[in-house]
PDB file of N, CA and C in Angstrom:
ATOM      1  N   UNK A   1     -43.080 -25.789 -51.114  1.00  0.00           N
ATOM      2  CA  UNK A   1     -42.827 -24.487 -50.528  1.00  0.00           C
ATOM      3  C   UNK A   1     -41.925 -24.657 -49.305  1.00  0.00           C
ATOM      4  N   UNK A   2     -40.960 -23.763 -49.153  1.00  0.00           N
ATOM      5  CA  UNK A   2     -40.053 -23.809 -48.008  1.00  0.00           C
ATOM      6  C   UNK A   2     -40.780 -23.446 -46.726  1.00  0.00           C
ATOM      7  N   UNK A   3     -40.420 -24.151 -45.671  1.00  0.00           N
ATOM      8  CA  UNK A   3     -40.986 -23.851 -44.362  1.00  0.00           C
ATOM      9  C   UNK A   3     -40.275 -22.623 -43.791  1.00  0.00           C
ATOM     10  N   UNK A   4     -41.039 -21.771 -43.108  1.00  0.00           N
ATOM     11  CA  UNK A   4     -40.433 -20.593 -42.495  1.00  0.00           C
ATOM     12  C   UNK A   4     -39.466 -21.022 -41.400  1.00  0.00           C
ATOM     13  N   UNK A   5     -38.313 -20.396 -41.367  1.00  0.00           N
ATOM     14  CA  UNK A   5     -37.292 -20.753 -40.393  1.00  0.00           C
ATOM     15  C   UNK A   5     -37.368 -19.890 -39.137  1.00  0.00           C
ATOM     16  N   UNK A   6     -38.091 -18.782 -39.222  1.00  0.00           N
ATOM     17  CA  UNK A   6     -38.207 -17.870 -38.090  1.00  0.00           C
ATOM     18  C   UNK A   6     -39.636 -17.838 -37.578  1.00  0.00           C
ATOM     19  N   UNK A   7     -39.751 -17.541 -36.284  1.00  0.00           N
ATOM     20  CA  UNK A   7     -41.064 -17.465 -35.638  1.00  0.00           C
ATOM     21  C   UNK A   7     -41.157 -16.126 -34.904  1.00  0.00           C
ATOM     22  N   UNK A   8     -42.361 -15.571 -34.890  1.00  0.00           N
ATOM     23  CA  UNK A   8     -42.588 -14.307 -34.196  1.00  0.00           C
ATOM     24  C   UNK A   8     -42.475 -14.523 -32.695  1.00  0.00           C
ATOM     25  N   UNK A   9     -41.579 -13.783 -32.068  1.00  0.00           N
ATOM     26  CA  UNK A   9     -41.407 -13.853 -30.621  1.00  0.00           C
ATOM     27  C   UNK A   9     -42.324 -12.863 -29.921  1.00  0.00           C
ATOM     28  N   UNK A  10     -42.311 -11.622 -30.398  1.00  0.00           N
ATOM     29  CA  UNK A  10     -43.117 -10.585 -29.769  1.00  0.00           C
ATOM     30  C   UNK A  10     -43.219  -9.391 -30.709  1.00  0.00           C
ATOM     31  N   UNK A  11     -44.067  -8.469 -30.345  1.00  0.00           N
ATOM     32  CA  UNK A  11     -44.198  -7.208 -31.072  1.00  0.00           C
ATOM     33  C   UNK A  11     -44.032  -6.091 -30.053  1.00  0.00           C
ATOM     34  N   UNK A  12     -43.155  -5.157 -30.360  1.00  0.00           N
ATOM     35  CA  UNK A  12     -42.798  -4.091 -29.425  1.00  0.00           C
ATOM     36  C   UNK A  12     -43.138  -2.745 -30.045  1.00  0.00           C
ATOM     37  N   UNK A  13     -43.620  -1.845 -29.218  1.00  0.00           N
ATOM     38  CA  UNK A  13     -43.921  -0.490 -29.670  1.00  0.00           C
ATOM     39  C   UNK A  13     -42.658   0.362 -29.539  1.00  0.00           C
ATOM     40  N   UNK A  14     -42.053   0.670 -30.661  1.00  0.00           N
ATOM     41  CA  UNK A  14     -40.874   1.526 -30.647  1.00  0.00           C
ATOM     42  C   UNK A  14     -39.599   0.817 -31.054  1.00  0.00           C
ATOM     43  N   UNK A  15     -38.872   1.448 -31.953  1.00  0.00           N
ATOM     44  CA  UNK A  15     -37.646   0.854 -32.490  1.00  0.00           C
ATOM     45  C   UNK A  15     -36.530   0.780 -31.447  1.00  0.00           C
ATOM     46  N   UNK A  16     -36.430   1.799 -30.591  1.00  0.00           N
ATOM     47  CA  UNK A  16     -35.351   1.795 -29.612  1.00  0.00           C
ATOM     48  C   UNK A  16     -35.472   0.598 -28.667  1.00  0.00           C
ATOM     49  N   UNK A  17     -36.678   0.314 -28.194  1.00  0.00           N
ATOM     50  CA  UNK A  17     -36.896  -0.836 -27.310  1.00  0.00           C
ATOM     51  C   UNK A  17     -36.595  -2.140 -28.056  1.00  0.00           C
ATOM     52  N   UNK A  18     -36.998  -2.204 -29.318  1.00  0.00           N
ATOM     53  CA  UNK A  18     -36.724  -3.405 -30.123  1.00  0.00           C
ATOM     54  C   UNK A  18     -35.222  -3.608 -30.315  1.00  0.00           C
ATOM     55  N   UNK A  19     -34.497  -2.524 -30.532  1.00  0.00           N
ATOM     56  CA  UNK A  19     -33.044  -2.632 -30.681  1.00  0.00           C
ATOM     57  C   UNK A  19     -32.389  -3.118 -29.391  1.00  0.00           C
ATOM     58  N   UNK A  20     -32.894  -2.662 -28.253  1.00  0.00           N
ATOM     59  CA  UNK A  20     -32.367  -3.131 -26.970  1.00  0.00           C
ATOM     60  C   UNK A  20     -32.615  -4.627 -26.790  1.00  0.00           C
ATOM     61  N   UNK A  21     -33.835  -5.062 -27.122  1.00  0.00           N
ATOM     62  CA  UNK A  21     -34.157  -6.484 -27.026  1.00  0.00           C
ATOM     63  C   UNK A  21     -33.291  -7.296 -27.982  1.00  0.00           C
ATOM     64  N   UNK A  22     -33.103  -6.799 -29.179  1.00  0.00           N
ATOM     65  CA  UNK A  22     -32.258  -7.490 -30.159  1.00  0.00           C
ATOM     66  C   UNK A  22     -30.840  -7.676 -29.606  1.00  0.00           C
ATOM     67  N   UNK A  23     -30.273  -6.629 -29.033  1.00  0.00           N
ATOM     68  CA  UNK A  23     -28.927  -6.712 -28.460  1.00  0.00           C
ATOM     69  C   UNK A  23     -28.874  -7.719 -27.320  1.00  0.00           C
ATOM     70  N   UNK A  24     -29.901  -7.713 -26.464  1.00  0.00           N
ATOM     71  CA  UNK A  24     -29.966  -8.629 -25.329  1.00  0.00           C
ATOM     72  C   UNK A  24     -30.028 -10.075 -25.802  1.00  0.00           C
ATOM     73  N   UNK A  25     -30.897 -10.356 -26.770  1.00  0.00           N
ATOM     74  CA  UNK A  25     -31.032 -11.723 -27.276  1.00  0.00           C
ATOM     75  C   UNK A  25     -29.760 -12.191 -27.973  1.00  0.00           C
ATOM     76  N   UNK A  26     -29.189 -11.330 -28.805  1.00  0.00           N
ATOM     77  CA  UNK A  26     -27.974 -11.712 -29.528  1.00  0.00           C
ATOM     78  C   UNK A  26     -26.800 -11.922 -28.570  1.00  0.00           C
ATOM     79  N   UNK A  27     -26.745 -11.144 -27.481  1.00  0.00           N
ATOM     80  CA  UNK A  27     -25.691 -11.333 -26.484  1.00  0.00           C
ATOM     81  C   UNK A  27     -25.826 -12.683 -25.784  1.00  0.00           C
ATOM     82  N   UNK A  28     -27.047 -13.229 -25.821  1.00  0.00           N
ATOM     83  CA  UNK A  28     -27.305 -14.540 -25.214  1.00  0.00           C
ATOM     84  C   UNK A  28     -27.400 -15.650 -26.250  1.00  0.00           C
ATOM     85  N   UNK A  29     -26.891 -15.403 -27.454  1.00  0.00           N
ATOM     86  CA  UNK A  29     -26.760 -16.444 -28.466  1.00  0.00           C
ATOM     87  C   UNK A  29     -27.978 -16.718 -29.325  1.00  0.00           C
ATOM     88  N   UNK A  30     -28.932 -15.781 -29.372  1.00  0.00           N
ATOM     89  CA  UNK A  30     -30.135 -15.971 -30.188  1.00  0.00           C
ATOM     90  C   UNK A  30     -30.115 -14.975 -31.348  1.00  0.00           C
ATOM     91  N   UNK A  31     -30.178 -15.483 -32.571  1.00  0.00           N
ATOM     92  CA  UNK A  31     -30.241 -14.637 -33.755  1.00  0.00           C
ATOM     93  C   UNK A  31     -31.583 -13.932 -33.792  1.00  0.00           C
ATOM     94  N   UNK A  32     -31.617 -12.707 -34.285  1.00  0.00           N
ATOM     95  CA  UNK A  32     -32.843 -11.900 -34.294  1.00  0.00           C
ATOM     96  C   UNK A  32     -33.015 -11.216 -35.640  1.00  0.00           C
ATOM     97  N   UNK A  33     -34.254 -11.172 -36.110  1.00  0.00           N
ATOM     98  CA  UNK A  33     -34.623 -10.392 -37.282  1.00  0.00           C
ATOM     99  C   UNK A  33     -35.763  -9.467 -36.861  1.00  0.00           C
ATOM    100  N   UNK A  34     -35.617  -8.170 -37.160  1.00  0.00           N
ATOM    101  CA  UNK A  34     -36.646  -7.192 -36.826  1.00  0.00           C
ATOM    102  C   UNK A  34     -37.380  -6.778 -38.096  1.00  0.00           C
ATOM    103  N   UNK A  35     -38.687  -6.585 -37.967  1.00  0.00           N
ATOM    104  CA  UNK A  35     -39.497  -6.136 -39.097  1.00  0.00           C
ATOM    105  C   UNK A  35     -40.393  -5.014 -38.610  1.00  0.00           C
ATOM    106  N   UNK A  36     -40.379  -3.889 -39.365  1.00  0.00           N
ATOM    107  CA  UNK A  36     -41.191  -2.734 -38.983  1.00  0.00           C
ATOM    108  C   UNK A  36     -41.780  -2.075 -40.215  1.00  0.00           C
ATOM    109  N   UNK A  37     -43.085  -1.842 -40.169  1.00  0.00           N
ATOM    110  CA  UNK A  37     -43.723  -1.040 -41.203  1.00  0.00           C
ATOM    111  C   UNK A  37     -43.245   0.388 -41.014  1.00  0.00           C
ATOM    112  N   UNK A  38     -43.071   1.109 -42.090  1.00  0.00           N
ATOM    113  CA  UNK A  38     -42.519   2.452 -41.957  1.00  0.00           C
ATOM    114  C   UNK A  38     -43.137   3.404 -42.968  1.00  0.00           C
ATOM    115  N   UNK A  39     -43.228   4.644 -42.562  1.00  0.00           N
ATOM    116  CA  UNK A  39     -43.656   5.699 -43.479  1.00  0.00           C
ATOM    117  C   UNK A  39     -42.445   6.491 -43.940  1.00  0.00           C
ATOM    118  N   UNK A  40     -41.283   5.970 -43.670  1.00  0.00           N
ATOM    119  CA  UNK A  40     -40.037   6.641 -44.027  1.00  0.00           C
ATOM    120  C   UNK A  40     -39.157   6.742 -42.800  1.00  0.00           C
ATOM    121  N   UNK A  41     -37.880   6.810 -43.028  1.00  0.00           N
ATOM    122  CA  UNK A  41     -36.947   6.889 -41.910  1.00  0.00           C
ATOM    123  C   UNK A  41     -36.706   8.344 -41.557  1.00  0.00           C
ATOM    124  N   UNK A  42     -36.980   8.672 -40.321  1.00  0.00           N
ATOM    125  CA  UNK A  42     -36.743  10.024 -39.836  1.00  0.00           C
ATOM    126  C   UNK A  42     -36.090   9.932 -38.472  1.00  0.00           C
ATOM    127  N   UNK A  43     -35.627  11.058 -37.973  1.00  0.00           N
ATOM    128  CA  UNK A  43     -35.055  11.074 -36.632  1.00  0.00           C
ATOM    129  C   UNK A  43     -36.147  11.124 -35.575  1.00  0.00           C
ATOM    130  N   UNK A  44     -37.375  11.376 -36.013  1.00  0.00           N
ATOM    131  CA  UNK A  44     -38.494  11.446 -35.086  1.00  0.00           C
ATOM    132  C   UNK A  44     -39.293  10.145 -35.147  1.00  0.00           C
ATOM    133  N   UNK A  45     -39.544   9.522 -33.997  1.00  0.00           N
ATOM    134  CA  UNK A  45     -40.307   8.261 -34.014  1.00  0.00           C
ATOM    135  C   UNK A  45     -41.738   8.477 -34.478  1.00  0.00           C
ATOM    136  N   UNK A  46     -42.240   7.519 -35.240  1.00  0.00           N
ATOM    137  CA  UNK A  46     -43.615   7.572 -35.729  1.00  0.00           C
ATOM    138  C   UNK A  46     -44.399   6.462 -35.044  1.00  0.00           C
ATOM    139  N   UNK A  47     -45.444   6.825 -34.332  1.00  0.00           N
ATOM    140  CA  UNK A  47     -46.272   5.847 -33.633  1.00  0.00           C
ATOM    141  C   UNK A  47     -47.740   6.063 -33.976  1.00  0.00           C
ATOM    142  N   UNK A  48     -48.069   5.885 -35.229  1.00  0.00           N
ATOM    143  CA  UNK A  48     -49.442   6.013 -35.678  1.00  0.00           C
ATOM    144  C   UNK A  48     -49.993   4.616 -35.901  1.00  0.00           C
ATOM    145  N   UNK A  49     -50.997   4.240 -35.134  1.00  0.00           N
ATOM    146  CA  UNK A  49     -51.547   2.891 -35.170  1.00  0.00           C
ATOM    147  C   UNK A  49     -50.408   1.887 -35.038  1.00  0.00           C
ATOM    148  N   UNK A  50     -50.257   0.999 -36.005  1.00  0.00           N
ATOM    149  CA  UNK A  50     -49.234  -0.047 -35.903  1.00  0.00           C
ATOM    150  C   UNK A  50     -47.907   0.348 -36.557  1.00  0.00           C
ATOM    151  N   UNK A  51     -47.787   1.573 -37.060  1.00  0.00           N
ATOM    152  CA  UNK A  51     -46.571   1.948 -37.776  1.00  0.00           C
ATOM    153  C   UNK A  51     -45.345   2.009 -36.881  1.00  0.00           C
ATOM    154  N   UNK A  52     -45.517   2.228 -35.587  1.00  0.00           N
ATOM    155  CA  UNK A  52     -44.381   2.277 -34.683  1.00  0.00           C
ATOM    156  C   UNK A  52     -44.029   0.927 -34.101  1.00  0.00           C
ATOM    157  N   UNK A  53     -44.824  -0.088 -34.400  1.00  0.00           N
ATOM    158  CA  UNK A  53     -44.587  -1.421 -33.853  1.00  0.00           C
ATOM    159  C   UNK A  53     -43.494  -2.150 -34.616  1.00  0.00           C
ATOM    160  N   UNK A  54     -42.699  -2.899 -33.869  1.00  0.00           N
ATOM    161  CA  UNK A  54     -41.620  -3.690 -34.448  1.00  0.00           C
ATOM    162  C   UNK A  54     -41.863  -5.150 -34.082  1.00  0.00           C
ATOM    163  N   UNK A  55     -41.868  -6.013 -35.092  1.00  0.00           N
ATOM    164  CA  UNK A  55     -42.012  -7.446 -34.854  1.00  0.00           C
ATOM    165  C   UNK A  55     -40.624  -8.051 -34.700  1.00  0.00           C
ATOM    166  N   UNK A  56     -40.477  -8.888 -33.673  1.00  0.00           N
ATOM    167  CA  UNK A  56     -39.200  -9.518 -33.364  1.00  0.00           C
ATOM    168  C   UNK A  56     -39.312 -11.010 -33.684  1.00  0.00           C
ATOM    169  N   UNK A  57     -38.512 -11.454 -34.636  1.00  0.00           N
ATOM    170  CA  UNK A  57     -38.509 -12.854 -35.061  1.00  0.00           C
ATOM    171  C   UNK A  57     -37.212 -13.519 -34.628  1.00  0.00           C
ATOM    172  N   UNK A  58     -37.314 -14.790 -34.240  1.00  0.00           N
ATOM    173  CA  UNK A  58     -36.144 -15.594 -33.877  1.00  0.00           C
ATOM    174  C   UNK A  58     -36.254 -16.941 -34.587  1.00  0.00           C
ATOM    175  N   UNK A  59     -35.130 -17.656 -34.744  1.00  0.00           N
ATOM    176  CA  UNK A  59     -35.196 -18.986 -35.358  1.00  0.00           C
ATOM    177  C   UNK A  59     -36.108 -19.907 -34.545  1.00  0.00           C
ATOM    178  N   UNK A  60     -36.857 -20.733 -35.252  1.00  0.00           N
ATOM    179  CA  UNK A  60     -37.803 -21.641 -34.585  1.00  0.00           C
ATOM    180  C   UNK A  60     -37.129 -22.501 -33.528  1.00  0.00           C
ATOM    181  N   UNK A  61     -35.917 -22.951 -33.808  1.00  0.00           N
ATOM    182  CA  UNK A  61     -35.248 -23.840 -32.852  1.00  0.00           C
ATOM    183  C   UNK A  61     -34.826 -23.109 -31.573  1.00  0.00           C
ATOM    184  N   UNK A  62     -34.847 -21.772 -31.584  1.00  0.00           N
ATOM    185  CA  UNK A  62     -34.462 -20.987 -30.407  1.00  0.00           C
ATOM    186  C   UNK A  62     -35.650 -20.337 -29.698  1.00  0.00           C
ATOM    187  N   UNK A  63     -36.879 -20.651 -30.108  1.00  0.00           N
ATOM    188  CA  UNK A  63     -38.045 -19.932 -29.584  1.00  0.00           C
ATOM    189  C   UNK A  63     -38.211 -20.116 -28.072  1.00  0.00           C
ATOM    190  N   UNK A  64     -37.993 -21.312 -27.550  1.00  0.00           N
ATOM    191  CA  UNK A  64     -38.149 -21.534 -26.100  1.00  0.00           C
ATOM    192  C   UNK A  64     -37.122 -20.729 -25.315  1.00  0.00           C
ATOM    193  N   UNK A  65     -35.885 -20.770 -25.763  1.00  0.00           N
ATOM    194  CA  UNK A  65     -34.824 -20.000 -25.105  1.00  0.00           C
ATOM    195  C   UNK A  65     -35.135 -18.512 -25.184  1.00  0.00           C
ATOM    196  N   UNK A  66     -35.599 -18.061 -26.343  1.00  0.00           N
ATOM    197  CA  UNK A  66     -35.902 -16.640 -26.537  1.00  0.00           C
ATOM    198  C   UNK A  66     -37.055 -16.185 -25.643  1.00  0.00           C
ATOM    199  N   UNK A  67     -38.056 -17.038 -25.449  1.00  0.00           N
ATOM    200  CA  UNK A  67     -39.179 -16.685 -24.574  1.00  0.00           C
ATOM    201  C   UNK A  67     -38.717 -16.511 -23.131  1.00  0.00           C
ATOM    202  N   UNK A  68     -37.825 -17.390 -22.677  1.00  0.00           N
ATOM    203  CA  UNK A  68     -37.293 -17.253 -21.326  1.00  0.00           C
ATOM    204  C   UNK A  68     -36.474 -15.973 -21.190  1.00  0.00           C
ATOM    205  N   UNK A  69     -35.660 -15.680 -22.198  1.00  0.00           N
ATOM    206  CA  UNK A  69     -34.873 -14.453 -22.185  1.00  0.00           C
ATOM    207  C   UNK A  69     -35.770 -13.223 -22.239  1.00  0.00           C
ATOM    208  N   UNK A  70     -36.872 -13.306 -22.977  1.00  0.00           N
ATOM    209  CA  UNK A  70     -37.804 -12.191 -23.049  1.00  0.00           C
ATOM    210  C   UNK A  70     -38.400 -11.897 -21.673  1.00  0.00           C
ATOM    211  N   UNK A  71     -38.715 -12.936 -20.926  1.00  0.00           N
ATOM    212  CA  UNK A  71     -39.225 -12.752 -19.555  1.00  0.00           C
ATOM    213  C   UNK A  71     -38.182 -12.021 -18.704  1.00  0.00           C
ATOM    214  N   UNK A  72     -36.929 -12.431 -18.798  1.00  0.00           N
ATOM    215  CA  UNK A  72     -35.857 -11.750 -18.050  1.00  0.00           C
ATOM    216  C   UNK A  72     -35.729 -10.297 -18.483  1.00  0.00           C
ATOM    217  N   UNK A  73     -35.802 -10.053 -19.776  1.00  0.00           N
ATOM    218  CA  UNK A  73     -35.702  -8.705 -20.320  1.00  0.00           C
ATOM    219  C   UNK A  73     -36.814  -7.826 -19.775  1.00  0.00           C
ATOM    220  N   UNK A  74     -38.026  -8.341 -19.735  1.00  0.00           N
ATOM    221  CA  UNK A  74     -39.171  -7.568 -19.254  1.00  0.00           C
ATOM    222  C   UNK A  74     -39.103  -7.309 -17.759  1.00  0.00           C
ATOM    223  N   UNK A  75     -38.510  -8.221 -16.997  1.00  0.00           N
ATOM    224  CA  UNK A  75     -38.344  -8.030 -15.553  1.00  0.00           C
ATOM    225  C   UNK A  75     -37.331  -6.919 -15.284  1.00  0.00           C
ATOM    226  N   UNK A  76     -36.283  -6.868 -16.092  1.00  0.00           N
ATOM    227  CA  UNK A  76     -35.209  -5.900 -15.880  1.00  0.00           C
ATOM    228  C   UNK A  76     -35.583  -4.482 -16.271  1.00  0.00           C
ATOM    229  N   UNK A  77     -36.641  -4.300 -17.040  1.00  0.00           N
ATOM    230  CA  UNK A  77     -37.016  -2.956 -17.497  1.00  0.00           C
ATOM    231  C   UNK A  77     -37.375  -2.047 -16.356  1.00  0.00           C
TER     232      UNK A  77
END
């Protein structure tokens, strides 16, 4: 079985915040994959239990760098 190449960095409530984090990480050289459970795509955000949560994955080899960048991102908010 293939080993997973990505590791979960964090889970964020809301797609807009996740998109901002994705842009920040990618601007600093870290590839990002976002995963979100959905009840359908609408213009209105859905935050029912975990449905509004977005999981942010980064390559395993970049996890330390991504964690440091995440700290900077959270300070700047």
